[in-house]
Amino acid sequence: MTRVEKAKELFEKDKYHCSQSVLAVFAEELGITEKQALKLGGCFGGGMCKGEVCGACVGALMALGLKYGQFEVDDIESRTKTNDITVRFLDSFAKENGSYICKEILGYDLSIPEEKVEARAKGLFTELCPKMVESAVKLVEKIIEE
């Protein structure tokens, strides 16, 4: 099973958040367990339930942070590289999907309960969000492979 297939299964079949689904497929190779990834990504779905940065993007950025992130105080090179990767990922995601902001992607503000209900009723979480999960996984794979 590919990472994209696994992430979409976690999201669509198992009903994990987009953030959890993206981070989990990279977990083992980045030094954490799938369980840890699922827990870590648990608060970021739906743009942190506020329609902000897409949870699939947040999961992807957490994976990239695990791969490239700064962890030593004086390692400015890692910080700079991670910042560059963050901007590149978000710009690429927005170019591919129109935005990296959840409420702009969905067209509904998830921080407003009535809008969240309407987005769900229109099937946007099942129609659009799997595409965002797929896009995020593919972009992380591309960055890691370079």
Foldseek 3Di string as FASTA:
>chain_A
DDLLVQLLCCCPVVPQALLLSQLLSLAVVLPHHSVVSSVVLRQCHCNSLFQFFHSNLVSLLVSVCSVQNDDDPPPVVSVVVSVVLSVVLQVVLCVVQVHRGRCVSQVFGSNDVVRVVVSVVVVVCVVPSSVSSSSSNVSSVVVVVD
